[in-house]
Amino acid sequence: MGHMSHKPHWKDLNSKRKTGIVLVSMAQFALTAAAYRDLIKRPADQVDGPKVAWGVALLVHWIGPIAYFAKGRKP
């Protein structure tokens, strides 16, 4: 049988790693929330593509919100 890698559990992480994970998670949540807020408030004619599709795309971690801010909004 092959070697199975050990995936660390939250309780096994030191406080520095835990703090880093929490901060990165908060940043990702804030970016996603900002993108959703913009998408909801922005008229459909100012969004490049269907708003529903962008709403689903925003769920894709960092990629969705960054793509929305870069390509989803019309100038």
Protein backbone atom coordinates (compact mmCIF):
# COMPACT_ATOMS: atom_id res chain seq x y z
CA MET A 1 0.00 0.00 0.00
CA GLY A 2 1.10 3.59 -0.65
CA HIS A 3 2.01 6.12 1.99
CA MET A 4 -0.98 8.10 3.23
CA SER A 5 -0.23 11.73 4.05
CA HIS A 6 -1.35 13.13 7.37
CA LYS A 7 -3.62 16.13 7.02
CA PRO A 8 -3.17 18.35 10.09
CA HIS A 9 -6.22 19.08 12.21
CA TRP A 10 -7.06 22.50 13.64
CA LYS A 11 -6.06 21.37 17.14
CA ASP A 12 -2.61 20.37 15.83
CA LEU A 13 -1.80 23.85 14.41
CA ASN A 14 0.15 26.44 16.38
CA SER A 15 -1.42 29.81 17.15
CA LYS A 16 0.53 31.59 14.38
CA ARG A 17 -0.87 29.24 11.71
CA LYS A 18 -4.37 29.49 13.16
CA THR A 19 -4.18 33.30 13.12
CA GLY A 20 -2.98 33.26 9.51
CA ILE A 21 -5.80 30.98 8.44
CA VAL A 22 -8.39 33.13 10.21
CA LEU A 23 -7.03 36.35 8.65
CA VAL A 24 -6.94 34.90 5.13
CA SER A 25 -10.46 33.52 5.59
CA MET A 26 -11.72 36.91 6.77
CA ALA A 27 -10.13 38.63 3.76
CA GLN A 28 -11.72 36.12 1.39
CA PHE A 29 -15.11 36.56 3.05
CA ALA A 30 -14.83 40.38 2.88
CA LEU A 31 -13.87 40.27 -0.81
CA THR A 32 -16.78 37.95 -1.61
CA ALA A 33 -19.23 40.06 0.43
CA ALA A 34 -18.06 43.23 -1.35
CA ALA A 35 -18.51 41.56 -4.73
CA TYR A 36 -22.03 40.36 -3.83
CA ARG A 37 -22.97 43.80 -2.55
CA ASP A 38 -21.75 45.41 -5.77
CA LEU A 39 -23.49 42.78 -7.91
CA ILE A 40 -26.81 43.22 -6.09
CA LYS A 41 -26.74 47.02 -6.27
CA ARG A 42 -25.44 47.28 -9.85
CA PRO A 43 -28.09 47.45 -12.61
CA ALA A 44 -28.05 44.43 -14.94
CA ASP A 45 -27.04 46.59 -17.92
CA GLN A 46 -23.83 47.50 -16.07
CA VAL A 47 -22.84 43.85 -15.55
CA ASP A 48 -21.01 41.98 -18.30
CA GLY A 49 -23.08 38.80 -18.44
CA PRO A 50 -26.01 37.42 -16.47
CA LYS A 51 -26.10 38.50 -12.82
CA VAL A 52 -27.17 35.00 -11.76
CA ALA A 53 -24.09 33.49 -13.42
CA TRP A 54 -21.84 36.00 -11.63
CA GLY A 55 -23.62 35.21 -8.37
CA VAL A 56 -22.68 31.55 -8.76
CA ALA A 57 -19.14 32.42 -9.90
CA LEU A 58 -18.58 34.48 -6.75
CA LEU A 59 -18.73 31.24 -4.76
CA VAL A 60 -15.43 30.09 -6.31
CA HIS A 61 -13.08 31.19 -3.52
CA TRP A 62 -10.74 34.00 -4.59
CA ILE A 63 -11.16 33.47 -8.33
CA GLY A 64 -14.85 34.40 -8.58
CA PRO A 65 -14.76 37.76 -6.79
CA ILE A 66 -11.49 38.80 -8.43
CA ALA A 67 -12.84 37.88 -11.87
CA TYR A 68 -16.03 39.80 -11.17
CA PHE A 69 -14.17 42.97 -10.17
CA ALA A 70 -11.77 42.60 -13.12
CA LYS A 71 -14.18 41.55 -15.89
CA GLY A 72 -17.77 41.43 -14.65
CA ARG A 73 -18.48 45.13 -14.31
CA LYS A 74 -18.91 47.42 -17.28
CA PRO A 75 -17.12 50.78 -17.03
